[in-house]
Amino acid sequence: IHSHTHTHPYTHKHKHKYKPHKQTRGLRDQQAVVVIRACSAVSCAARLCGSFVHDRILKDVVPTFKAHFKQLRPQTTANWTLKRPLEMKLLLAMLACVRDLGDMQLFQHDDVRLVGEMCLPLLNSALPEEIQDAAVDILSSMVPLNADAVWLLMMRIAAPDNSSTPPPSSSVPYMQPVFAAPRLELQDNARRVLQRVDEEDARLNNL
């Protein structure tokens, strides 16, 4: 995946100078069908280009997805599946794209907080379970990369009164509160992710 760094060192060194790819521009289109196709194109580009597109993902993909997730107005599952099927497909396509990027190891230790904050609105228990599960899956997949960042982010939701101090092993800088007030609708899924953090900690202690 990261061989492009070595085979094309000049290109990789100056990758920040390249203009946004057509794929990432498509993510901001007003038509859901175009965005869905752009998600597939981003995954394909990442598969072919590897770490070359890392910076572009952080500058274009993550902020675009975060803005879209933040403006969601959760409804019951029935309303989503019957009245907003295209929106459902769009969210699942975005989440599949993020998971693909994670599976290709394009996210690094310092990226975990950004990815985590992007996924927070999707932990809402009023969203369809398929969306919640996909968000929990992505956050859980970040645990081996940076368990402390995931722990702190989830604790600020699940137990905000007990999250002022990071775990003893933490090298994570202090984070401002994620929300101005407790978000009870996010807490159940936050606890699911915290369970994954505990499992990873137990695994490492048994090595």
N, C-alpha and C. Protein backbone atom coordinates (compact mmCIF):
# COMPACT_ATOMS: atom_id res chain seq x y z
N ILE A 1 0.83 -1.20 0.00
CA ILE A 1 0.00 0.00 0.00
C ILE A 1 0.87 1.25 0.00
N HIS A 2 1.93 1.23 0.78
CA HIS A 2 2.75 2.42 0.91
C HIS A 2 3.95 2.42 -0.04
N SER A 3 3.97 1.51 -1.00
CA SER A 3 5.10 1.42 -1.91
C SER A 3 5.22 2.66 -2.79
N HIS A 4 4.13 3.40 -2.98
CA HIS A 4 4.16 4.58 -3.83
C HIS A 4 5.11 5.62 -3.25
N THR A 5 5.26 5.65 -1.94
CA THR A 5 6.17 6.59 -1.30
C THR A 5 7.60 6.34 -1.78
N HIS A 6 7.96 5.10 -2.01
CA HIS A 6 9.32 4.73 -2.36
C HIS A 6 9.54 4.71 -3.87
N THR A 7 8.52 4.32 -4.62
CA THR A 7 8.69 4.22 -6.06
C THR A 7 8.57 5.57 -6.76
N HIS A 8 7.84 6.51 -6.12
CA HIS A 8 7.70 7.84 -6.70
C HIS A 8 7.99 8.89 -5.63
N PRO A 9 9.24 8.97 -5.16
CA PRO A 9 9.55 9.85 -4.03
C PRO A 9 9.31 11.33 -4.32
N TYR A 10 9.60 11.78 -5.55
CA TYR A 10 9.41 13.20 -5.86
C TYR A 10 7.93 13.55 -5.84
N THR A 11 7.13 12.70 -6.50
CA THR A 11 5.69 12.93 -6.55
C THR A 11 5.11 12.94 -5.14
N HIS A 12 5.54 11.98 -4.33
CA HIS A 12 5.01 11.88 -2.97
C HIS A 12 5.43 13.09 -2.13
N LYS A 13 6.65 13.57 -2.34
CA LYS A 13 7.13 14.71 -1.57
C LYS A 13 6.32 15.96 -1.84
N HIS A 14 5.86 16.11 -3.08
CA HIS A 14 5.15 17.32 -3.48
C HIS A 14 3.65 17.08 -3.67
N LYS A 15 3.12 16.04 -3.00
CA LYS A 15 1.72 15.68 -3.21
C LYS A 15 0.76 16.78 -2.76
N HIS A 16 1.19 17.65 -1.81
CA HIS A 16 0.31 18.70 -1.32
C HIS A 16 0.03 19.76 -2.38
N LYS A 17 0.82 19.78 -3.47
CA LYS A 17 0.66 20.79 -4.50
C LYS A 17 -0.40 20.40 -5.53
N TYR A 18 -0.81 19.14 -5.50
CA TYR A 18 -1.76 18.69 -6.51
C TYR A 18 -3.16 19.20 -6.22
N LYS A 19 -3.89 19.52 -7.27
CA LYS A 19 -5.25 20.02 -7.15
C LYS A 19 -6.17 18.88 -6.70
N PRO A 20 -7.32 19.24 -6.10
CA PRO A 20 -8.26 18.20 -5.65
C PRO A 20 -8.65 17.27 -6.79
N HIS A 21 -8.75 16.00 -6.47
CA HIS A 21 -9.15 15.01 -7.46
C HIS A 21 -10.61 15.19 -7.82
N LYS A 22 -10.98 14.76 -9.01
CA LYS A 22 -12.38 14.82 -9.41
C LYS A 22 -13.24 14.00 -8.46
N GLN A 23 -12.67 12.91 -7.93
CA GLN A 23 -13.43 12.06 -7.04
C GLN A 23 -13.85 12.82 -5.78
N THR A 24 -12.93 13.60 -5.19
CA THR A 24 -13.26 14.31 -3.96
C THR A 24 -14.19 15.49 -4.23
N ARG A 25 -14.08 16.10 -5.41
CA ARG A 25 -15.03 17.16 -5.75
C ARG A 25 -16.45 16.60 -5.84
N GLY A 26 -16.56 15.38 -6.34
CA GLY A 26 -17.86 14.75 -6.47
C GLY A 26 -18.54 14.49 -5.14
N LEU A 27 -17.76 14.41 -4.06
CA LEU A 27 -18.33 14.18 -2.74
C LEU A 27 -19.19 15.34 -2.27
N ARG A 28 -18.97 16.53 -2.85
CA ARG A 28 -19.73 17.71 -2.44
C ARG A 28 -20.89 18.02 -3.38
N ASP A 29 -21.16 17.12 -4.30
CA ASP A 29 -22.25 17.33 -5.25
C ASP A 29 -23.59 17.30 -4.53
N GLN A 30 -24.57 17.97 -5.08
CA GLN A 30 -25.90 18.02 -4.48
C GLN A 30 -26.71 16.77 -4.74
N GLN A 31 -26.32 15.99 -5.74
CA GLN A 31 -27.06 14.78 -6.09
C GLN A 31 -26.46 13.57 -5.37
N ALA A 32 -27.30 12.88 -4.64
CA ALA A 32 -26.83 11.73 -3.85
C ALA A 32 -26.19 10.67 -4.73
N VAL A 33 -26.74 10.44 -5.93
CA VAL A 33 -26.20 9.41 -6.81
C VAL A 33 -24.76 9.73 -7.19
N VAL A 34 -24.47 11.01 -7.43
CA VAL A 34 -23.11 11.42 -7.78
C VAL A 34 -22.16 11.18 -6.61
N VAL A 35 -22.63 11.50 -5.40
CA VAL A 35 -21.79 11.32 -4.21
C VAL A 35 -21.51 9.84 -3.97
N ILE A 36 -22.52 9.01 -4.16
CA ILE A 36 -22.35 7.57 -3.98
C ILE A 36 -21.27 7.04 -4.92
N ARG A 37 -21.31 7.48 -6.17
CA ARG A 37 -20.30 7.05 -7.14
C ARG A 37 -18.93 7.61 -6.78
N ALA A 38 -18.91 8.84 -6.26
CA ALA A 38 -17.64 9.44 -5.86
C ALA A 38 -17.01 8.67 -4.70
N CYS A 39 -17.84 8.15 -3.80
CA CYS A 39 -17.32 7.34 -2.68
C CYS A 39 -16.59 6.10 -3.22
N SER A 40 -17.19 5.46 -4.20
CA SER A 40 -16.55 4.29 -4.81
C SER A 40 -15.25 4.69 -5.50
N ALA A 41 -15.26 5.86 -6.15
CA ALA A 41 -14.07 6.33 -6.84
C ALA A 41 -12.94 6.63 -5.87
N VAL A 42 -13.28 7.20 -4.71
CA VAL A 42 -12.28 7.49 -3.69
C VAL A 42 -11.64 6.20 -3.18
N SER A 43 -12.47 5.20 -2.92
CA SER A 43 -11.94 3.91 -2.47
C SER A 43 -11.02 3.31 -3.51
N CYS A 44 -11.41 3.41 -4.78
CA CYS A 44 -10.60 2.87 -5.86
C CYS A 44 -9.27 3.62 -5.96
N ALA A 45 -9.32 4.95 -5.88
CA ALA A 45 -8.10 5.75 -5.95
C ALA A 45 -7.15 5.42 -4.81
N ALA A 46 -7.73 5.25 -3.62
CA ALA A 46 -6.90 4.91 -2.46
C ALA A 46 -6.26 3.54 -2.63
N ARG A 47 -7.00 2.61 -3.20
CA ARG A 47 -6.47 1.27 -3.42
C ARG A 47 -5.29 1.30 -4.40
N LEU A 48 -5.39 2.16 -5.40
CA LEU A 48 -4.35 2.24 -6.43
C LEU A 48 -3.16 3.10 -6.00
N CYS A 49 -3.45 4.17 -5.24
CA CYS A 49 -2.41 5.16 -4.94
C CYS A 49 -1.84 5.05 -3.53
N GLY A 50 -2.52 4.34 -2.66
CA GLY A 50 -1.99 4.15 -1.32
C GLY A 50 -1.81 5.45 -0.55
N SER A 51 -0.69 5.59 0.14
CA SER A 51 -0.46 6.72 1.03
C SER A 51 -0.35 8.05 0.29
N PHE A 52 -0.22 8.01 -1.02
CA PHE A 52 -0.17 9.25 -1.80
C PHE A 52 -1.39 10.11 -1.55
N VAL A 53 -2.55 9.49 -1.31
CA VAL A 53 -3.80 10.25 -1.15
C VAL A 53 -4.14 10.52 0.31
N HIS A 54 -3.24 10.19 1.22
CA HIS A 54 -3.53 10.36 2.65
C HIS A 54 -3.92 11.80 2.99
N ASP A 55 -3.10 12.76 2.56
CA ASP A 55 -3.38 14.16 2.88
C ASP A 55 -4.68 14.63 2.26
N ARG A 56 -4.95 14.15 1.04
CA ARG A 56 -6.19 14.54 0.37
C ARG A 56 -7.41 14.00 1.11
N ILE A 57 -7.27 12.82 1.66
CA ILE A 57 -8.38 12.23 2.43
C ILE A 57 -8.68 13.10 3.65
N LEU A 58 -7.63 13.53 4.35
CA LEU A 58 -7.83 14.34 5.55
C LEU A 58 -8.36 15.73 5.23
N LYS A 59 -7.96 16.27 4.09
CA LYS A 59 -8.37 17.63 3.74
C LYS A 59 -9.73 17.69 3.05
N ASP A 60 -10.07 16.65 2.30
CA ASP A 60 -11.30 16.69 1.51
C ASP A 60 -12.37 15.71 2.00
N VAL A 61 -11.99 14.45 2.17
CA VAL A 61 -12.98 13.42 2.45
C VAL A 61 -13.53 13.55 3.88
N VAL A 62 -12.65 13.55 4.86
CA VAL A 62 -13.10 13.59 6.26
C VAL A 62 -13.94 14.83 6.57
N PRO A 63 -13.49 16.05 6.20
CA PRO A 63 -14.32 17.23 6.50
C PRO A 63 -15.67 17.22 5.77
N THR A 64 -15.68 16.72 4.53
CA THR A 64 -16.93 16.67 3.77
C THR A 64 -17.92 15.72 4.42
N PHE A 65 -17.44 14.54 4.79
CA PHE A 65 -18.31 13.57 5.45
C PHE A 65 -18.77 14.10 6.81
N LYS A 66 -17.87 14.72 7.54
CA LYS A 66 -18.21 15.24 8.87
C LYS A 66 -19.33 16.27 8.77
N ALA A 67 -19.24 17.17 7.80
CA ALA A 67 -20.27 18.19 7.62
C ALA A 67 -21.62 17.56 7.28
N HIS A 68 -21.58 16.51 6.45
CA HIS A 68 -22.83 15.84 6.08
C HIS A 68 -23.44 15.12 7.27
N PHE A 69 -22.63 14.41 8.03
CA PHE A 69 -23.14 13.68 9.18
C PHE A 69 -23.70 14.63 10.24
N LYS A 70 -23.06 15.77 10.39
CA LYS A 70 -23.44 16.72 11.43
C LYS A 70 -24.83 17.30 11.18
N GLN A 71 -25.22 17.43 9.93
CA GLN A 71 -26.51 18.05 9.62
C GLN A 71 -27.67 17.07 9.57
N LEU A 72 -27.41 15.79 9.87
CA LEU A 72 -28.48 14.80 9.84
C LEU A 72 -29.53 15.10 10.89
N ARG A 73 -30.77 14.81 10.54
CA ARG A 73 -31.87 14.94 11.48
C ARG A 73 -32.46 13.55 11.70
N PRO A 74 -32.00 12.85 12.75
CA PRO A 74 -32.41 11.45 12.95
C PRO A 74 -33.92 11.28 13.02
N GLN A 75 -34.38 10.20 12.41
CA GLN A 75 -35.78 9.81 12.45
C GLN A 75 -35.84 8.32 12.76
N THR A 76 -37.04 7.80 12.84
CA THR A 76 -37.17 6.37 13.09
C THR A 76 -36.71 5.58 11.87
N THR A 77 -36.35 4.34 12.11
CA THR A 77 -35.88 3.48 11.03
C THR A 77 -36.91 3.38 9.91
N ALA A 78 -38.18 3.28 10.28
CA ALA A 78 -39.23 3.15 9.27
C ALA A 78 -39.25 4.36 8.35
N ASN A 79 -39.11 5.55 8.92
CA ASN A 79 -39.11 6.76 8.10
C ASN A 79 -37.95 6.79 7.12
N TRP A 80 -36.80 6.32 7.59
CA TRP A 80 -35.62 6.32 6.73
C TRP A 80 -35.76 5.32 5.59
N THR A 81 -36.13 4.11 5.92
CA THR A 81 -36.14 3.06 4.90
C THR A 81 -37.27 3.25 3.89
N LEU A 82 -38.38 3.84 4.33
CA LEU A 82 -39.54 3.99 3.44
C LEU A 82 -39.56 5.34 2.73
N LYS A 83 -39.14 6.38 3.43
CA LYS A 83 -39.26 7.73 2.87
C LYS A 83 -37.94 8.30 2.36
N ARG A 84 -36.83 7.76 2.83
CA ARG A 84 -35.53 8.33 2.45
C ARG A 84 -34.54 7.23 2.05
N PRO A 85 -34.94 6.37 1.14
CA PRO A 85 -34.05 5.25 0.77
C PRO A 85 -32.73 5.70 0.16
N LEU A 86 -32.76 6.77 -0.63
CA LEU A 86 -31.53 7.25 -1.26
C LEU A 86 -30.56 7.82 -0.23
N GLU A 87 -31.11 8.53 0.76
CA GLU A 87 -30.26 9.04 1.84
C GLU A 87 -29.63 7.90 2.62
N MET A 88 -30.37 6.84 2.81
CA MET A 88 -29.84 5.66 3.50
C MET A 88 -28.68 5.07 2.71
N LYS A 89 -28.86 4.93 1.40
CA LYS A 89 -27.80 4.40 0.54
C LYS A 89 -26.58 5.30 0.57
N LEU A 90 -26.82 6.61 0.60
CA LEU A 90 -25.71 7.57 0.62
C LEU A 90 -24.89 7.42 1.90
N LEU A 91 -25.56 7.36 3.04
CA LEU A 91 -24.84 7.20 4.31
C LEU A 91 -24.04 5.91 4.34
N LEU A 92 -24.64 4.83 3.89
CA LEU A 92 -23.95 3.54 3.89
C LEU A 92 -22.75 3.57 2.94
N ALA A 93 -22.88 4.28 1.81
CA ALA A 93 -21.76 4.40 0.87
C ALA A 93 -20.62 5.19 1.49
N MET A 94 -20.95 6.26 2.20
CA MET A 94 -19.92 7.06 2.87
C MET A 94 -19.20 6.23 3.94
N LEU A 95 -19.97 5.51 4.73
CA LEU A 95 -19.38 4.70 5.78
C LEU A 95 -18.55 3.56 5.22
N ALA A 96 -19.01 2.97 4.12
CA ALA A 96 -18.24 1.91 3.47
C ALA A 96 -16.92 2.46 2.95
N CYS A 97 -16.95 3.69 2.44
CA CYS A 97 -15.72 4.33 1.96
C CYS A 97 -14.73 4.53 3.11
N VAL A 98 -15.23 5.04 4.24
CA VAL A 98 -14.36 5.24 5.41
C VAL A 98 -13.77 3.92 5.87
N ARG A 99 -14.60 2.89 5.92
CA ARG A 99 -14.11 1.59 6.36
C ARG A 99 -13.07 1.04 5.39
N ASP A 100 -13.29 1.24 4.08
CA ASP A 100 -12.30 0.81 3.08
C ASP A 100 -10.96 1.50 3.32
N LEU A 101 -11.00 2.79 3.58
CA LEU A 101 -9.76 3.54 3.82
C LEU A 101 -9.05 3.03 5.07
N GLY A 102 -9.83 2.70 6.08
CA GLY A 102 -9.23 2.13 7.29
C GLY A 102 -8.64 0.76 7.04
N ASP A 103 -9.35 -0.07 6.29
CA ASP A 103 -8.86 -1.42 5.99
C ASP A 103 -7.57 -1.36 5.17
N MET A 104 -7.43 -0.30 4.38
CA MET A 104 -6.20 -0.13 3.58
C MET A 104 -5.09 0.56 4.37
N GLN A 105 -5.34 0.77 5.66
CA GLN A 105 -4.35 1.35 6.58
C GLN A 105 -3.91 2.75 6.16
N LEU A 106 -4.85 3.52 5.66
CA LEU A 106 -4.54 4.89 5.25
C LEU A 106 -4.70 5.89 6.38
N PHE A 107 -5.32 5.47 7.48
CA PHE A 107 -5.41 6.34 8.65
C PHE A 107 -4.24 6.05 9.58
N GLN A 108 -3.70 7.10 10.16
CA GLN A 108 -2.55 6.99 11.04
C GLN A 108 -2.93 7.34 12.47
N HIS A 109 -1.98 7.17 13.37
CA HIS A 109 -2.21 7.39 14.80
C HIS A 109 -2.85 8.75 15.07
N ASP A 110 -2.33 9.80 14.46
CA ASP A 110 -2.81 11.15 14.73
C ASP A 110 -4.11 11.48 14.02
N ASP A 111 -4.58 10.59 13.15
CA ASP A 111 -5.83 10.83 12.42
C ASP A 111 -7.06 10.33 13.18
N VAL A 112 -6.84 9.54 14.21
CA VAL A 112 -7.94 8.84 14.86
C VAL A 112 -8.96 9.80 15.46
N ARG A 113 -8.48 10.87 16.08
CA ARG A 113 -9.41 11.83 16.68
C ARG A 113 -10.31 12.46 15.61
N LEU A 114 -9.74 12.80 14.47
CA LEU A 114 -10.52 13.41 13.39
C LEU A 114 -11.59 12.45 12.87
N VAL A 115 -11.19 11.19 12.67
CA VAL A 115 -12.15 10.19 12.19
C VAL A 115 -13.22 9.95 13.24
N GLY A 116 -12.81 9.90 14.50
CA GLY A 116 -13.76 9.68 15.58
C GLY A 116 -14.78 10.79 15.68
N GLU A 117 -14.33 12.02 15.64
CA GLU A 117 -15.26 13.15 15.72
C GLU A 117 -16.20 13.17 14.52
N MET A 118 -15.72 12.75 13.37
CA MET A 118 -16.56 12.68 12.18
C MET A 118 -17.73 11.72 12.39
N CYS A 119 -17.47 10.60 13.06
CA CYS A 119 -18.48 9.55 13.21
C CYS A 119 -19.43 9.77 14.37
N LEU A 120 -19.15 10.70 15.25
CA LEU A 120 -19.95 10.86 16.46
C LEU A 120 -21.45 11.01 16.21
N PRO A 121 -21.89 11.85 15.25
CA PRO A 121 -23.35 12.01 15.07
C PRO A 121 -24.05 10.72 14.69
N LEU A 122 -23.29 9.76 14.13
CA LEU A 122 -23.90 8.52 13.67
C LEU A 122 -24.09 7.51 14.79
N LEU A 123 -23.65 7.86 15.99
CA LEU A 123 -23.90 7.01 17.15
C LEU A 123 -25.29 7.23 17.72
N ASN A 124 -26.02 8.14 17.15
CA ASN A 124 -27.36 8.49 17.64
C ASN A 124 -28.29 7.29 17.57
N SER A 125 -28.91 6.97 18.69
CA SER A 125 -29.76 5.78 18.76
C SER A 125 -31.06 5.94 17.97
N ALA A 126 -31.35 7.15 17.49
CA ALA A 126 -32.55 7.35 16.68
C ALA A 126 -32.31 7.01 15.21
N LEU A 127 -31.07 6.80 14.84
CA LEU A 127 -30.75 6.42 13.47
C LEU A 127 -31.01 4.93 13.26
N PRO A 128 -31.14 4.50 12.00
CA PRO A 128 -31.28 3.06 11.75
C PRO A 128 -30.11 2.29 12.32
N GLU A 129 -30.38 1.10 12.81
CA GLU A 129 -29.33 0.30 13.45
C GLU A 129 -28.17 0.02 12.50
N GLU A 130 -28.45 -0.12 11.22
CA GLU A 130 -27.39 -0.39 10.26
C GLU A 130 -26.38 0.75 10.22
N ILE A 131 -26.86 1.98 10.35
CA ILE A 131 -25.97 3.14 10.38
C ILE A 131 -25.19 3.17 11.69
N GLN A 132 -25.88 2.94 12.80
CA GLN A 132 -25.20 2.92 14.10
C GLN A 132 -24.11 1.85 14.14
N ASP A 133 -24.44 0.66 13.66
CA ASP A 133 -23.48 -0.44 13.69
C ASP A 133 -22.26 -0.14 12.84
N ALA A 134 -22.47 0.49 11.70
CA ALA A 134 -21.35 0.82 10.81
C ALA A 134 -20.43 1.85 11.48
N ALA A 135 -21.02 2.84 12.16
CA ALA A 135 -20.22 3.84 12.85
C ALA A 135 -19.44 3.22 14.01
N VAL A 136 -20.10 2.37 14.78
CA VAL A 136 -19.41 1.67 15.88
C VAL A 136 -18.28 0.81 15.34
N ASP A 137 -18.51 0.17 14.22
CA ASP A 137 -17.49 -0.68 13.60
C ASP A 137 -16.27 0.14 13.20
N ILE A 138 -16.49 1.30 12.61
CA ILE A 138 -15.37 2.17 12.21
C ILE A 138 -14.60 2.64 13.44
N LEU A 139 -15.30 3.11 14.44
CA LEU A 139 -14.63 3.57 15.66
C LEU A 139 -13.87 2.44 16.34
N SER A 140 -14.45 1.26 16.35
CA SER A 140 -13.77 0.10 16.94
C SER A 140 -12.51 -0.25 16.16
N SER A 141 -12.55 -0.07 14.86
CA SER A 141 -11.38 -0.38 14.03
C SER A 141 -10.24 0.60 14.27
N MET A 142 -10.55 1.77 14.86
CA MET A 142 -9.53 2.77 15.17
C MET A 142 -8.79 2.46 16.47
N VAL A 143 -9.37 1.57 17.29
CA VAL A 143 -8.79 1.29 18.61
C VAL A 143 -7.35 0.80 18.54
N PRO A 144 -7.00 -0.17 17.67
CA PRO A 144 -5.60 -0.60 17.62
C PRO A 144 -4.64 0.51 17.19
N LEU A 145 -5.13 1.50 16.46
CA LEU A 145 -4.28 2.61 16.02
C LEU A 145 -3.99 3.58 17.16
N ASN A 146 -5.02 3.91 17.92
CA ASN A 146 -4.87 4.90 18.99
C ASN A 146 -6.01 4.73 20.00
N ALA A 147 -5.84 3.75 20.87
CA ALA A 147 -6.90 3.43 21.83
C ALA A 147 -7.18 4.58 22.78
N ASP A 148 -6.14 5.34 23.14
CA ASP A 148 -6.33 6.43 24.08
C ASP A 148 -7.25 7.51 23.51
N ALA A 149 -7.05 7.85 22.24
CA ALA A 149 -7.87 8.88 21.62
C ALA A 149 -9.32 8.42 21.54
N VAL A 150 -9.54 7.16 21.18
CA VAL A 150 -10.90 6.64 21.12
C VAL A 150 -11.52 6.61 22.50
N TRP A 151 -10.76 6.16 23.49
CA TRP A 151 -11.26 6.09 24.87
C TRP A 151 -11.71 7.47 25.36
N LEU A 152 -10.86 8.47 25.15
CA LEU A 152 -11.18 9.81 25.65
C LEU A 152 -12.39 10.39 24.94
N LEU A 153 -12.48 10.17 23.65
CA LEU A 153 -13.61 10.68 22.89
C LEU A 153 -14.92 10.04 23.34
N MET A 154 -14.90 8.73 23.54
CA MET A 154 -16.11 8.03 23.96
C MET A 154 -16.47 8.34 25.41
N MET A 155 -15.47 8.49 26.26
CA MET A 155 -15.75 8.80 27.66
C MET A 155 -16.40 10.17 27.81
N ARG A 156 -16.08 11.08 26.95
CA ARG A 156 -16.68 12.41 27.01
C ARG A 156 -18.16 12.36 26.64
N ILE A 157 -18.58 11.23 26.09
CA ILE A 157 -20.00 11.04 25.78
C ILE A 157 -20.66 10.13 26.82
N ALA A 158 -20.02 8.98 27.06
CA ALA A 158 -20.61 7.97 27.94
C ALA A 158 -20.59 8.37 29.40
N ALA A 159 -19.52 9.03 29.83
CA ALA A 159 -19.39 9.43 31.24
C ALA A 159 -18.64 10.75 31.31
N PRO A 160 -19.25 11.84 30.85
CA PRO A 160 -18.54 13.12 30.76
C PRO A 160 -17.98 13.62 32.08
N ASP A 161 -18.58 13.26 33.20
CA ASP A 161 -18.09 13.73 34.51
C ASP A 161 -16.80 13.02 34.93
N ASN A 162 -16.50 11.87 34.28
CA ASN A 162 -15.33 11.09 34.68
C ASN A 162 -14.24 11.07 33.62
N SER A 163 -14.33 11.98 32.65
CA SER A 163 -13.40 11.90 31.52
C SER A 163 -12.40 13.05 31.47
N SER A 164 -12.25 13.78 32.58
CA SER A 164 -11.34 14.91 32.56
C SER A 164 -9.89 14.48 32.54
N THR A 165 -9.62 13.26 33.00
CA THR A 165 -8.25 12.76 33.04
C THR A 165 -8.11 11.57 32.11
N PRO A 166 -7.18 11.64 31.14
CA PRO A 166 -6.97 10.52 30.23
C PRO A 166 -6.42 9.32 30.97
N PRO A 167 -6.48 8.13 30.37
CA PRO A 167 -5.91 6.95 31.00
C PRO A 167 -4.42 7.14 31.24
N PRO A 168 -3.85 6.42 32.22
CA PRO A 168 -2.45 6.63 32.61
C PRO A 168 -1.46 6.53 31.45
N SER A 169 -1.76 5.65 30.48
CA SER A 169 -0.81 5.46 29.38
C SER A 169 -0.97 6.50 28.29
N SER A 170 -1.90 7.44 28.49
CA SER A 170 -2.29 8.33 27.40
C SER A 170 -1.22 9.34 27.05
N SER A 171 -1.04 9.53 25.74
CA SER A 171 -0.20 10.61 25.23
C SER A 171 -1.08 11.59 24.46
N VAL A 172 -2.41 11.48 24.67
CA VAL A 172 -3.36 12.31 23.94
C VAL A 172 -3.44 13.68 24.59
N PRO A 173 -3.31 14.78 23.84
CA PRO A 173 -3.45 16.10 24.43
C PRO A 173 -4.88 16.34 24.89
N TYR A 174 -5.04 17.29 25.79
CA TYR A 174 -6.38 17.58 26.32
C TYR A 174 -7.32 17.96 25.19
N MET A 175 -8.54 17.41 25.23
CA MET A 175 -9.56 17.72 24.24
C MET A 175 -10.64 18.58 24.90
N GLN A 176 -11.11 19.57 24.19
CA GLN A 176 -12.27 20.31 24.66
C GLN A 176 -13.49 19.39 24.64
N PRO A 177 -14.50 19.66 25.47
CA PRO A 177 -15.71 18.84 25.45
C PRO A 177 -16.27 18.72 24.04
N VAL A 178 -16.73 17.53 23.70
CA VAL A 178 -17.24 17.29 22.35
C VAL A 178 -18.54 18.04 22.12
N PHE A 179 -19.40 18.05 23.14
CA PHE A 179 -20.69 18.73 23.04
C PHE A 179 -20.86 19.64 24.25
N ALA A 180 -21.67 20.68 24.08
CA ALA A 180 -21.89 21.62 25.17
C ALA A 180 -22.67 21.01 26.31
N ALA A 181 -23.49 20.00 26.01
CA ALA A 181 -24.31 19.34 27.03
C ALA A 181 -24.30 17.84 26.77
N PRO A 182 -24.60 17.03 27.79
CA PRO A 182 -24.62 15.57 27.60
C PRO A 182 -25.56 15.16 26.47
N ARG A 183 -25.14 14.17 25.72
CA ARG A 183 -25.96 13.66 24.61
C ARG A 183 -26.33 12.22 24.92
N LEU A 184 -27.45 12.05 25.59
CA LEU A 184 -27.86 10.72 26.04
C LEU A 184 -28.10 9.77 24.88
N GLU A 185 -28.52 10.31 23.73
CA GLU A 185 -28.83 9.46 22.59
C GLU A 185 -27.59 8.83 21.96
N LEU A 186 -26.40 9.28 22.37
CA LEU A 186 -25.15 8.72 21.85
C LEU A 186 -24.51 7.73 22.81
N GLN A 187 -24.96 7.71 24.04
CA GLN A 187 -24.22 7.02 25.09
C GLN A 187 -24.18 5.50 24.93
N ASP A 188 -25.27 4.89 24.51
CA ASP A 188 -25.29 3.43 24.38
C ASP A 188 -24.22 2.96 23.39
N ASN A 189 -24.13 3.62 22.26
CA ASN A 189 -23.14 3.22 21.26
C ASN A 189 -21.73 3.59 21.68
N ALA A 190 -21.59 4.68 22.42
CA ALA A 190 -20.27 5.03 22.94
C ALA A 190 -19.76 3.94 23.88
N ARG A 191 -20.67 3.39 24.67
CA ARG A 191 -20.27 2.31 25.59
C ARG A 191 -19.89 1.05 24.82
N ARG A 192 -20.51 0.82 23.69
CA ARG A 192 -20.13 -0.32 22.85
C ARG A 192 -18.68 -0.17 22.37
N VAL A 193 -18.32 1.04 22.00
CA VAL A 193 -16.94 1.28 21.54
C VAL A 193 -15.98 1.15 22.71
N LEU A 194 -16.37 1.64 23.88
CA LEU A 194 -15.52 1.52 25.07
C LEU A 194 -15.27 0.05 25.41
N GLN A 195 -16.26 -0.79 25.17
CA GLN A 195 -16.07 -2.22 25.39
C GLN A 195 -14.97 -2.76 24.49
N ARG A 196 -14.92 -2.26 23.27
CA ARG A 196 -13.87 -2.67 22.33
C ARG A 196 -12.50 -2.19 22.81
N VAL A 197 -12.45 -1.01 23.42
CA VAL A 197 -11.19 -0.50 23.99
C VAL A 197 -10.73 -1.41 25.11
N ASP A 198 -11.67 -1.83 25.97
CA ASP A 198 -11.32 -2.73 27.08
C ASP A 198 -10.80 -4.07 26.54
N GLU A 199 -11.41 -4.56 25.49
CA GLU A 199 -10.97 -5.84 24.90
C GLU A 199 -9.57 -5.72 24.33
N GLU A 200 -9.27 -4.60 23.69
CA GLU A 200 -7.95 -4.40 23.13
C GLU A 200 -6.91 -4.27 24.24
N ASP A 201 -7.28 -3.60 25.32
CA ASP A 201 -6.37 -3.47 26.46
C ASP A 201 -6.08 -4.82 27.08
N ALA A 202 -7.11 -5.66 27.21
CA ALA A 202 -6.92 -7.00 27.77
C ALA A 202 -6.04 -7.84 26.85
N ARG A 203 -6.23 -7.69 25.55
CA ARG A 203 -5.42 -8.45 24.59
C ARG A 203 -3.95 -8.09 24.71
N LEU A 204 -3.67 -6.81 24.82
CA LEU A 204 -2.28 -6.36 24.93
C LEU A 204 -1.65 -6.80 26.24
N ASN A 205 -2.45 -6.83 27.29
CA ASN A 205 -1.91 -7.26 28.61
C ASN A 205 -1.59 -8.76 28.63
N ASN A 206 -2.23 -9.52 27.75
CA ASN A 206 -2.01 -10.95 27.72
C ASN A 206 -0.90 -11.37 26.76
N LEU A 207 -0.32 -10.40 26.06
CA LEU A 207 0.75 -10.76 25.11
C LEU A 207 2.02 -11.15 25.87
